[in-house]
N, C-alpha and C. Protein backbone atom coordinates (compact mmCIF):
# COMPACT_ATOMS: atom_id res chain seq x y z
N MET A 1 114.86 116.55 163.24
CA MET A 1 114.72 115.72 162.06
C MET A 1 113.30 115.84 161.48
N PHE A 2 112.28 115.75 162.34
CA PHE A 2 110.90 115.84 161.86
C PHE A 2 110.57 117.23 161.34
N LYS A 3 111.16 118.25 161.93
CA LYS A 3 110.94 119.62 161.45
C LYS A 3 111.48 119.77 160.03
N ARG A 4 112.67 119.21 159.77
CA ARG A 4 113.24 119.28 158.42
C ARG A 4 112.36 118.51 157.43
N LEU A 5 111.86 117.33 157.86
CA LEU A 5 110.99 116.54 157.00
C LEU A 5 109.70 117.30 156.70
N TYR A 6 109.14 117.95 157.71
CA TYR A 6 107.92 118.73 157.53
C TYR A 6 108.17 119.88 156.55
N ASP A 7 109.26 120.61 156.74
CA ASP A 7 109.59 121.72 155.84
C ASP A 7 109.80 121.22 154.41
N TRP A 8 110.48 120.08 154.25
CA TRP A 8 110.71 119.51 152.92
C TRP A 8 109.38 119.14 152.28
N THR A 9 108.48 118.54 153.06
CA THR A 9 107.18 118.15 152.53
C THR A 9 106.39 119.37 152.07
N LEU A 10 106.42 120.44 152.85
CA LEU A 10 105.72 121.67 152.44
C LEU A 10 106.34 122.28 151.19
N ARG A 11 107.67 122.26 151.10
CA ARG A 11 108.33 122.78 149.89
C ARG A 11 107.94 121.95 148.68
N LEU A 12 107.93 120.62 148.84
CA LEU A 12 107.51 119.74 147.75
C LEU A 12 106.07 120.04 147.35
N ALA A 13 105.22 120.23 148.35
CA ALA A 13 103.80 120.50 148.10
C ALA A 13 103.59 121.77 147.29
N GLU A 14 104.49 122.72 147.41
CA GLU A 14 104.35 123.98 146.69
C GLU A 14 105.15 124.02 145.39
N SER A 15 105.88 122.96 145.09
CA SER A 15 106.71 122.95 143.89
C SER A 15 105.90 122.49 142.67
N PRO A 16 106.40 122.79 141.47
CA PRO A 16 105.70 122.35 140.25
C PRO A 16 105.70 120.82 140.10
N ARG A 17 106.60 120.13 140.76
CA ARG A 17 106.69 118.67 140.68
C ARG A 17 105.69 117.97 141.60
N ALA A 18 105.04 118.72 142.46
CA ALA A 18 104.18 118.13 143.49
C ALA A 18 103.05 117.28 142.89
N THR A 19 102.42 117.78 141.85
CA THR A 19 101.30 117.03 141.26
C THR A 19 101.78 115.71 140.70
N TRP A 20 102.95 115.71 140.07
CA TRP A 20 103.50 114.46 139.54
C TRP A 20 103.87 113.50 140.68
N ALA A 21 104.48 114.03 141.73
CA ALA A 21 104.84 113.19 142.87
C ALA A 21 103.59 112.57 143.49
N LEU A 22 102.55 113.36 143.62
CA LEU A 22 101.28 112.87 144.16
C LEU A 22 100.72 111.75 143.29
N ALA A 23 100.70 111.96 141.99
CA ALA A 23 100.16 110.94 141.07
C ALA A 23 100.99 109.67 141.11
N ILE A 24 102.31 109.81 141.14
CA ILE A 24 103.18 108.63 141.15
C ILE A 24 102.99 107.83 142.43
N ILE A 25 102.93 108.51 143.57
CA ILE A 25 102.75 107.79 144.84
C ILE A 25 101.37 107.14 144.90
N ALA A 26 100.33 107.84 144.45
CA ALA A 26 98.98 107.25 144.45
C ALA A 26 98.92 106.02 143.54
N PHE A 27 99.58 106.11 142.38
CA PHE A 27 99.62 104.98 141.45
C PHE A 27 100.36 103.80 142.08
N ALA A 28 101.54 104.08 142.61
CA ALA A 28 102.39 103.00 143.15
C ALA A 28 101.76 102.36 144.38
N GLU A 29 101.11 103.15 145.23
CA GLU A 29 100.53 102.61 146.46
C GLU A 29 99.43 101.61 146.17
N SER A 30 98.76 101.73 145.04
CA SER A 30 97.68 100.80 144.70
C SER A 30 98.17 99.51 144.07
N SER A 31 99.47 99.43 143.79
CA SER A 31 99.96 98.22 143.16
C SER A 31 101.17 97.59 143.83
N PHE A 32 102.08 98.40 144.42
CA PHE A 32 103.26 97.77 145.01
C PHE A 32 103.95 98.56 146.10
N PHE A 33 103.68 99.84 146.27
CA PHE A 33 104.41 100.72 147.18
C PHE A 33 103.68 100.83 148.52
N PRO A 34 104.39 100.81 149.67
CA PRO A 34 103.70 100.79 150.96
C PRO A 34 103.24 102.14 151.51
N ILE A 35 103.72 103.25 150.98
CA ILE A 35 103.40 104.56 151.54
C ILE A 35 102.15 105.13 150.87
N PRO A 36 101.14 105.53 151.64
CA PRO A 36 99.92 106.07 151.04
C PRO A 36 100.13 107.50 150.53
N PRO A 37 99.35 107.90 149.54
CA PRO A 37 99.50 109.25 148.97
C PRO A 37 99.10 110.36 149.93
N ASP A 38 98.45 110.00 151.02
CA ASP A 38 98.03 111.00 152.01
C ASP A 38 99.21 111.82 152.52
N VAL A 39 100.41 111.23 152.54
CA VAL A 39 101.59 111.95 153.05
C VAL A 39 101.92 113.17 152.20
N ILE A 40 101.50 113.17 150.94
CA ILE A 40 101.71 114.34 150.09
C ILE A 40 100.39 115.08 149.88
N LEU A 41 99.27 114.35 149.82
CA LEU A 41 97.98 114.99 149.63
C LEU A 41 97.67 115.98 150.76
N VAL A 42 97.97 115.61 152.00
CA VAL A 42 97.67 116.48 153.14
C VAL A 42 98.44 117.80 153.05
N PRO A 43 99.78 117.78 152.95
CA PRO A 43 100.47 119.08 152.88
C PRO A 43 100.16 119.88 151.62
N MET A 44 99.91 119.19 150.49
CA MET A 44 99.56 119.92 149.28
C MET A 44 98.22 120.64 149.46
N SER A 45 97.27 119.95 150.06
CA SER A 45 95.95 120.54 150.28
C SER A 45 96.00 121.67 151.30
N LEU A 46 96.88 121.52 152.29
CA LEU A 46 97.03 122.59 153.27
C LEU A 46 97.76 123.80 152.68
N ALA A 47 98.73 123.54 151.81
CA ALA A 47 99.48 124.63 151.20
C ALA A 47 98.62 125.40 150.19
N GLN A 48 97.74 124.68 149.46
CA GLN A 48 96.90 125.32 148.46
C GLN A 48 95.47 124.77 148.58
N PRO A 49 94.74 125.24 149.57
CA PRO A 49 93.40 124.68 149.84
C PRO A 49 92.43 124.78 148.66
N LYS A 50 92.58 125.77 147.81
CA LYS A 50 91.68 125.91 146.66
C LYS A 50 91.89 124.80 145.64
N LYS A 51 93.03 124.11 145.72
CA LYS A 51 93.32 123.02 144.79
C LYS A 51 93.12 121.64 145.42
N ALA A 52 92.64 121.59 146.64
CA ALA A 52 92.52 120.31 147.36
C ALA A 52 91.66 119.30 146.60
N LEU A 53 90.54 119.74 146.06
CA LEU A 53 89.67 118.81 145.32
C LEU A 53 90.32 118.36 144.02
N HIS A 54 91.09 119.25 143.40
CA HIS A 54 91.85 118.88 142.20
C HIS A 54 92.88 117.80 142.56
N TYR A 55 93.55 117.97 143.69
CA TYR A 55 94.52 116.98 144.14
C TYR A 55 93.85 115.64 144.46
N ALA A 56 92.65 115.70 145.04
CA ALA A 56 91.90 114.48 145.33
C ALA A 56 91.55 113.75 144.04
N PHE A 57 91.20 114.52 143.00
CA PHE A 57 90.90 113.92 141.70
C PHE A 57 92.14 113.22 141.13
N ILE A 58 93.29 113.88 141.21
CA ILE A 58 94.54 113.28 140.73
C ILE A 58 94.83 111.99 141.50
N CYS A 59 94.68 112.03 142.81
CA CYS A 59 94.89 110.83 143.63
C CYS A 59 93.96 109.71 143.21
N THR A 60 92.71 110.05 142.99
CA THR A 60 91.72 109.03 142.63
C THR A 60 92.06 108.37 141.30
N VAL A 61 92.31 109.18 140.29
CA VAL A 61 92.61 108.63 138.96
C VAL A 61 93.89 107.80 139.00
N ALA A 62 94.94 108.33 139.62
CA ALA A 62 96.21 107.60 139.68
C ALA A 62 96.07 106.33 140.50
N SER A 63 95.32 106.38 141.58
CA SER A 63 95.12 105.20 142.41
C SER A 63 94.36 104.11 141.67
N VAL A 64 93.34 104.49 140.91
CA VAL A 64 92.59 103.50 140.14
C VAL A 64 93.47 102.91 139.04
N LEU A 65 94.27 103.75 138.38
CA LEU A 65 95.19 103.22 137.37
C LEU A 65 96.22 102.27 137.99
N GLY A 66 96.74 102.64 139.16
CA GLY A 66 97.64 101.74 139.89
C GLY A 66 96.94 100.47 140.31
N GLY A 67 95.65 100.59 140.66
CA GLY A 67 94.85 99.41 141.01
C GLY A 67 94.71 98.47 139.83
N ILE A 68 94.58 99.03 138.63
CA ILE A 68 94.51 98.19 137.42
C ILE A 68 95.82 97.43 137.25
N LEU A 69 96.95 98.11 137.48
CA LEU A 69 98.24 97.41 137.43
C LEU A 69 98.27 96.30 138.48
N GLY A 70 97.83 96.60 139.70
CA GLY A 70 97.79 95.59 140.75
C GLY A 70 96.92 94.41 140.36
N TYR A 71 95.78 94.69 139.75
CA TYR A 71 94.88 93.63 139.27
C TYR A 71 95.63 92.74 138.29
N TYR A 72 96.35 93.35 137.35
CA TYR A 72 97.07 92.56 136.35
C TYR A 72 98.30 91.86 136.92
N ILE A 73 98.87 92.40 138.00
CA ILE A 73 99.93 91.65 138.69
C ILE A 73 99.33 90.36 139.23
N GLY A 74 98.16 90.47 139.84
CA GLY A 74 97.50 89.28 140.37
C GLY A 74 97.05 88.33 139.28
N ALA A 75 96.47 88.86 138.19
CA ALA A 75 95.91 88.02 137.13
C ALA A 75 96.99 87.45 136.21
N GLY A 76 97.92 88.27 135.82
CA GLY A 76 98.88 87.86 134.81
C GLY A 76 100.23 87.42 135.32
N LEU A 77 100.61 87.94 136.48
CA LEU A 77 101.94 87.63 137.00
C LEU A 77 101.87 86.88 138.33
N TYR A 78 100.76 86.17 138.54
CA TYR A 78 100.59 85.51 139.83
C TYR A 78 101.70 84.51 140.12
N ASP A 79 102.10 83.73 139.12
CA ASP A 79 103.11 82.70 139.35
C ASP A 79 104.47 83.26 139.74
N SER A 80 104.73 84.52 139.40
CA SER A 80 106.02 85.11 139.77
C SER A 80 105.82 86.19 140.83
N VAL A 81 105.46 87.37 140.42
CA VAL A 81 105.34 88.52 141.33
C VAL A 81 104.14 88.38 142.26
N GLY A 82 102.99 88.02 141.72
CA GLY A 82 101.76 87.94 142.51
C GLY A 82 101.86 86.96 143.66
N LYS A 83 102.37 85.77 143.40
CA LYS A 83 102.50 84.76 144.45
C LYS A 83 103.45 85.24 145.56
N TRP A 84 104.52 85.91 145.16
CA TRP A 84 105.46 86.44 146.14
C TRP A 84 104.79 87.50 147.02
N LEU A 85 104.04 88.43 146.39
CA LEU A 85 103.37 89.48 147.15
C LEU A 85 102.28 88.90 148.07
N ILE A 86 101.51 87.95 147.56
CA ILE A 86 100.46 87.32 148.38
C ILE A 86 101.11 86.61 149.57
N GLY A 87 102.22 85.92 149.34
CA GLY A 87 102.95 85.27 150.44
C GLY A 87 103.51 86.27 151.42
N LEU A 88 104.01 87.38 150.91
CA LEU A 88 104.57 88.43 151.76
C LEU A 88 103.53 88.97 152.74
N TYR A 89 102.30 89.10 152.27
CA TYR A 89 101.24 89.63 153.12
C TYR A 89 100.48 88.55 153.89
N GLY A 90 100.91 87.29 153.78
CA GLY A 90 100.33 86.22 154.59
C GLY A 90 99.03 85.63 154.07
N TYR A 91 98.72 85.81 152.78
CA TYR A 91 97.47 85.28 152.25
C TYR A 91 97.63 83.94 151.52
N ALA A 92 98.84 83.44 151.35
CA ALA A 92 99.07 82.24 150.55
C ALA A 92 98.26 81.05 151.05
N GLU A 93 98.21 80.83 152.37
CA GLU A 93 97.50 79.68 152.93
C GLU A 93 95.99 79.91 152.97
N LYS A 94 95.55 81.12 152.70
CA LYS A 94 94.15 81.47 152.88
C LYS A 94 93.41 81.65 151.56
N MET A 95 93.99 81.23 150.45
CA MET A 95 93.42 81.52 149.14
C MET A 95 92.06 80.85 148.92
N ASP A 96 91.86 79.60 149.38
CA ASP A 96 90.56 78.94 149.18
C ASP A 96 89.46 79.65 149.95
N ALA A 97 89.74 79.99 151.21
CA ALA A 97 88.75 80.71 152.01
C ALA A 97 88.49 82.09 151.41
N LEU A 98 89.54 82.72 150.93
CA LEU A 98 89.40 84.05 150.33
C LEU A 98 88.56 83.98 149.06
N LYS A 99 88.74 82.95 148.26
CA LYS A 99 87.98 82.78 147.02
C LYS A 99 86.49 82.65 147.34
N ALA A 100 86.14 81.83 148.34
CA ALA A 100 84.74 81.66 148.73
C ALA A 100 84.16 82.98 149.24
N PHE A 101 84.94 83.67 150.04
CA PHE A 101 84.51 84.96 150.56
C PHE A 101 84.32 85.97 149.44
N TYR A 102 85.26 86.00 148.51
CA TYR A 102 85.23 86.96 147.41
C TYR A 102 84.05 86.73 146.48
N ASP A 103 83.71 85.46 146.27
CA ASP A 103 82.57 85.15 145.40
C ASP A 103 81.30 85.80 145.94
N LYS A 104 81.16 85.83 147.27
CA LYS A 104 79.95 86.37 147.88
C LYS A 104 80.07 87.85 148.23
N TRP A 105 81.21 88.25 148.75
CA TRP A 105 81.36 89.58 149.33
C TRP A 105 82.47 90.42 148.69
N GLY A 106 82.92 90.09 147.50
CA GLY A 106 84.01 90.82 146.87
C GLY A 106 83.75 92.31 146.74
N TRP A 107 82.53 92.67 146.37
CA TRP A 107 82.18 94.09 146.22
C TRP A 107 82.37 94.85 147.54
N ALA A 108 81.95 94.23 148.65
CA ALA A 108 82.08 94.90 149.95
C ALA A 108 83.54 94.96 150.38
N PHE A 109 84.27 93.89 150.09
CA PHE A 109 85.70 93.83 150.42
C PHE A 109 86.43 94.99 149.75
N ILE A 110 86.16 95.20 148.48
CA ILE A 110 86.82 96.27 147.73
C ILE A 110 86.43 97.64 148.28
N LEU A 111 85.13 97.85 148.51
CA LEU A 111 84.67 99.15 148.99
C LEU A 111 85.21 99.48 150.38
N VAL A 112 85.15 98.52 151.30
CA VAL A 112 85.58 98.79 152.67
C VAL A 112 87.09 98.93 152.76
N LYS A 113 87.81 98.02 152.15
CA LYS A 113 89.27 98.07 152.27
C LYS A 113 89.87 99.27 151.54
N GLY A 114 89.18 99.79 150.55
CA GLY A 114 89.66 100.99 149.86
C GLY A 114 89.62 102.23 150.72
N LEU A 115 88.83 102.19 151.78
CA LEU A 115 88.73 103.33 152.69
C LEU A 115 89.63 103.21 153.91
N THR A 116 90.12 102.03 154.18
CA THR A 116 90.86 101.76 155.42
C THR A 116 92.37 101.89 155.21
N PRO A 117 93.13 101.86 156.31
CA PRO A 117 94.59 101.88 156.17
C PRO A 117 95.18 100.54 155.72
N ILE A 118 94.35 99.52 155.56
CA ILE A 118 94.84 98.25 155.02
C ILE A 118 95.29 98.52 153.59
N PRO A 119 96.50 98.11 153.23
CA PRO A 119 97.05 98.46 151.91
C PRO A 119 96.13 98.06 150.76
N PHE A 120 95.80 99.03 149.92
CA PHE A 120 94.88 98.80 148.80
C PHE A 120 95.48 97.85 147.78
N LYS A 121 96.79 97.79 147.71
CA LYS A 121 97.44 96.88 146.76
C LYS A 121 97.02 95.44 146.99
N LEU A 122 96.73 95.08 148.25
CA LEU A 122 96.26 93.72 148.54
C LEU A 122 94.92 93.46 147.86
N VAL A 123 94.05 94.45 147.90
CA VAL A 123 92.74 94.32 147.26
C VAL A 123 92.92 94.17 145.75
N THR A 124 93.78 94.97 145.18
CA THR A 124 93.93 94.95 143.73
C THR A 124 94.55 93.64 143.25
N ILE A 125 95.58 93.18 143.95
CA ILE A 125 96.25 91.94 143.54
C ILE A 125 95.34 90.74 143.76
N VAL A 126 94.69 90.68 144.92
CA VAL A 126 93.78 89.57 145.21
C VAL A 126 92.63 89.56 144.20
N SER A 127 92.11 90.72 143.83
CA SER A 127 91.03 90.78 142.84
C SER A 127 91.49 90.18 141.52
N GLY A 128 92.72 90.45 141.12
CA GLY A 128 93.26 89.87 139.89
C GLY A 128 93.49 88.38 140.01
N VAL A 129 94.05 87.96 141.13
CA VAL A 129 94.31 86.53 141.35
C VAL A 129 93.01 85.74 141.27
N LEU A 130 91.95 86.27 141.87
CA LEU A 130 90.68 85.57 141.94
C LEU A 130 89.80 85.81 140.72
N GLY A 131 90.29 86.61 139.77
CA GLY A 131 89.54 86.85 138.54
C GLY A 131 88.23 87.59 138.76
N TYR A 132 88.24 88.52 139.71
CA TYR A 132 87.03 89.29 139.98
C TYR A 132 86.64 90.07 138.73
N ASN A 133 85.35 90.27 138.52
CA ASN A 133 84.83 90.98 137.37
C ASN A 133 85.59 92.31 137.21
N PHE A 134 86.34 92.43 136.11
CA PHE A 134 87.24 93.58 135.95
C PHE A 134 86.51 94.93 135.87
N PRO A 135 85.47 95.09 135.02
CA PRO A 135 84.80 96.40 134.99
C PRO A 135 84.19 96.77 136.35
N LEU A 136 83.63 95.78 137.05
CA LEU A 136 83.08 96.06 138.38
C LEU A 136 84.19 96.44 139.35
N PHE A 137 85.33 95.76 139.26
CA PHE A 137 86.48 96.10 140.09
C PHE A 137 86.89 97.56 139.88
N VAL A 138 87.00 97.99 138.63
CA VAL A 138 87.41 99.37 138.32
C VAL A 138 86.38 100.36 138.87
N LEU A 139 85.10 100.07 138.69
CA LEU A 139 84.06 100.95 139.20
C LEU A 139 84.12 101.05 140.73
N LEU A 140 84.24 99.92 141.41
CA LEU A 140 84.30 99.91 142.87
C LEU A 140 85.56 100.61 143.38
N ALA A 141 86.68 100.40 142.69
CA ALA A 141 87.93 101.07 143.07
C ALA A 141 87.79 102.59 142.93
N ALA A 142 87.15 103.03 141.86
CA ALA A 142 86.95 104.47 141.66
C ALA A 142 86.05 105.05 142.75
N ILE A 143 85.02 104.32 143.12
CA ILE A 143 84.11 104.80 144.17
C ILE A 143 84.83 104.89 145.51
N THR A 144 85.50 103.83 145.92
CA THR A 144 86.10 103.80 147.25
C THR A 144 87.30 104.72 147.37
N ARG A 145 88.15 104.75 146.34
CA ARG A 145 89.31 105.63 146.41
C ARG A 145 88.89 107.09 146.28
N GLY A 146 87.93 107.36 145.41
CA GLY A 146 87.42 108.72 145.30
C GLY A 146 86.81 109.20 146.61
N ALA A 147 86.03 108.33 147.26
CA ALA A 147 85.43 108.70 148.54
C ALA A 147 86.50 109.03 149.56
N ARG A 148 87.53 108.20 149.62
CA ARG A 148 88.60 108.43 150.60
C ARG A 148 89.30 109.76 150.35
N PHE A 149 89.75 109.99 149.13
CA PHE A 149 90.55 111.17 148.84
C PHE A 149 89.72 112.45 148.84
N PHE A 150 88.49 112.40 148.33
CA PHE A 150 87.66 113.59 148.33
C PHE A 150 87.19 113.94 149.74
N LEU A 151 86.94 112.94 150.56
CA LEU A 151 86.57 113.21 151.96
C LEU A 151 87.73 113.89 152.68
N LEU A 152 88.93 113.37 152.50
CA LEU A 152 90.11 113.96 153.12
C LEU A 152 90.32 115.39 152.61
N ALA A 153 90.23 115.58 151.30
CA ALA A 153 90.42 116.93 150.74
C ALA A 153 89.34 117.89 151.24
N GLY A 154 88.13 117.41 151.35
CA GLY A 154 87.05 118.25 151.86
C GLY A 154 87.28 118.67 153.30
N LEU A 155 87.72 117.73 154.12
CA LEU A 155 88.02 118.06 155.52
C LEU A 155 89.17 119.05 155.62
N LEU A 156 90.19 118.85 154.78
CA LEU A 156 91.34 119.76 154.80
C LEU A 156 90.96 121.15 154.30
N THR A 157 90.03 121.21 153.35
CA THR A 157 89.57 122.51 152.86
C THR A 157 88.78 123.24 153.94
N LYS A 158 87.91 122.51 154.62
CA LYS A 158 87.04 123.13 155.62
C LYS A 158 87.79 123.47 156.91
N PHE A 159 88.67 122.58 157.34
CA PHE A 159 89.36 122.76 158.62
C PHE A 159 90.87 122.92 158.44
N GLY A 160 91.29 123.43 157.30
CA GLY A 160 92.71 123.48 156.95
C GLY A 160 93.60 124.23 157.91
N GLU A 161 93.21 125.43 158.29
CA GLU A 161 94.08 126.24 159.16
C GLU A 161 94.31 125.60 160.53
N PRO A 162 93.26 125.12 161.22
CA PRO A 162 93.52 124.46 162.50
C PRO A 162 94.36 123.18 162.34
N ILE A 163 94.12 122.44 161.25
CA ILE A 163 94.89 121.22 161.01
C ILE A 163 96.35 121.57 160.74
N LYS A 164 96.57 122.60 159.94
CA LYS A 164 97.94 123.02 159.62
C LYS A 164 98.67 123.44 160.89
N ALA A 165 98.01 124.22 161.75
CA ALA A 165 98.63 124.65 163.02
C ALA A 165 98.94 123.44 163.89
N LEU A 166 98.03 122.49 163.91
CA LEU A 166 98.23 121.27 164.70
C LEU A 166 99.40 120.46 164.16
N LEU A 167 99.48 120.33 162.84
CA LEU A 167 100.59 119.60 162.22
C LEU A 167 101.93 120.28 162.50
N GLU A 168 101.95 121.59 162.43
CA GLU A 168 103.20 122.31 162.69
C GLU A 168 103.69 122.07 164.12
N ARG A 169 102.76 121.99 165.05
CA ARG A 169 103.15 121.76 166.45
C ARG A 169 103.47 120.30 166.74
N HIS A 170 102.80 119.37 166.04
CA HIS A 170 102.91 117.95 166.39
C HIS A 170 103.25 117.07 165.18
N PHE A 171 104.12 117.55 164.32
CA PHE A 171 104.44 116.79 163.11
C PHE A 171 105.09 115.45 163.44
N ALA A 172 105.95 115.40 164.44
CA ALA A 172 106.60 114.15 164.82
C ALA A 172 105.55 113.12 165.25
N THR A 173 104.59 113.55 166.03
CA THR A 173 103.53 112.65 166.47
C THR A 173 102.72 112.17 165.27
N PHE A 174 102.44 113.07 164.34
CA PHE A 174 101.71 112.71 163.13
C PHE A 174 102.47 111.64 162.34
N MET A 175 103.77 111.82 162.17
CA MET A 175 104.58 110.84 161.42
C MET A 175 104.61 109.49 162.13
N ILE A 176 104.74 109.50 163.44
CA ILE A 176 104.74 108.25 164.20
C ILE A 176 103.38 107.57 164.05
N LEU A 177 102.31 108.34 164.15
CA LEU A 177 100.97 107.80 163.99
C LEU A 177 100.78 107.21 162.59
N LEU A 178 101.30 107.89 161.58
CA LEU A 178 101.21 107.39 160.21
C LEU A 178 101.93 106.05 160.07
N VAL A 179 103.12 105.93 160.65
CA VAL A 179 103.86 104.67 160.60
C VAL A 179 103.07 103.57 161.31
N VAL A 180 102.49 103.89 162.46
CA VAL A 180 101.69 102.91 163.21
C VAL A 180 100.49 102.47 162.38
N ILE A 181 99.84 103.40 161.69
CA ILE A 181 98.69 103.06 160.85
C ILE A 181 99.12 102.17 159.70
N ILE A 182 100.23 102.48 159.05
CA ILE A 182 100.72 101.66 157.93
C ILE A 182 101.05 100.26 158.42
N VAL A 183 101.83 100.16 159.50
CA VAL A 183 102.20 98.85 160.04
C VAL A 183 100.95 98.10 160.50
N GLY A 184 100.04 98.83 161.18
CA GLY A 184 98.78 98.22 161.62
C GLY A 184 97.96 97.72 160.44
N GLY A 185 97.96 98.46 159.35
CA GLY A 185 97.23 98.03 158.15
C GLY A 185 97.80 96.74 157.59
N PHE A 186 99.13 96.65 157.52
CA PHE A 186 99.74 95.41 157.03
C PHE A 186 99.44 94.25 158.00
N TRP A 187 99.53 94.52 159.31
CA TRP A 187 99.24 93.47 160.28
C TRP A 187 97.79 93.00 160.15
N ALA A 188 96.86 93.96 160.05
CA ALA A 188 95.45 93.62 159.92
C ALA A 188 95.20 92.83 158.65
N ALA A 189 95.87 93.21 157.56
CA ALA A 189 95.69 92.50 156.30
C ALA A 189 96.16 91.05 156.41
N ALA A 190 97.21 90.83 157.16
CA ALA A 190 97.75 89.47 157.31
C ALA A 190 96.93 88.62 158.27
N HIS A 191 96.19 89.24 159.19
CA HIS A 191 95.53 88.48 160.24
C HIS A 191 94.00 88.51 160.22
N MET A 192 93.39 89.30 159.37
CA MET A 192 91.93 89.43 159.42
C MET A 192 91.19 88.35 158.66
N LEU A 193 91.75 87.81 157.61
CA LEU A 193 91.05 86.76 156.86
C LEU A 193 91.60 85.40 157.22
């Protein structure tokens, strides 16, 4: 099963639709979707290492645009969608403490969480709910998401062949690890504040 998934991912990475799929996933992950764009960015960068930085740029732009949507979900749709999402991630009871924390450390919260496996959509929605300075939010989102994706693309460009060989041998382990990271990110988001 994992071998077929790996082969499908590589075929997608080499198809003309890959760039659009990457952009859509990066956009959605920053506002409502649980799967990070790394699942497509990694095989695309391994399949075409000369385009890895281009793919990182696409991820960054799409992620920031998705973050803007997440911000507006929090700011404009809090009473319907935003409140539901905040409750889903366990932040509903913590909003007062989060507001006080955000007033002092919002910039650090955005920068650090944008690099971690904690879902970025939480940062974007919470930033909107709390009315964080929008231009500063966009700037910080661009910095943190760009750092994450360009660092990953750079590592894949430099160490691509050994990573590709490792993935081919241990793709099932990689997928299990990815699921653990995603679940761990959601757990950490619900329990850290």
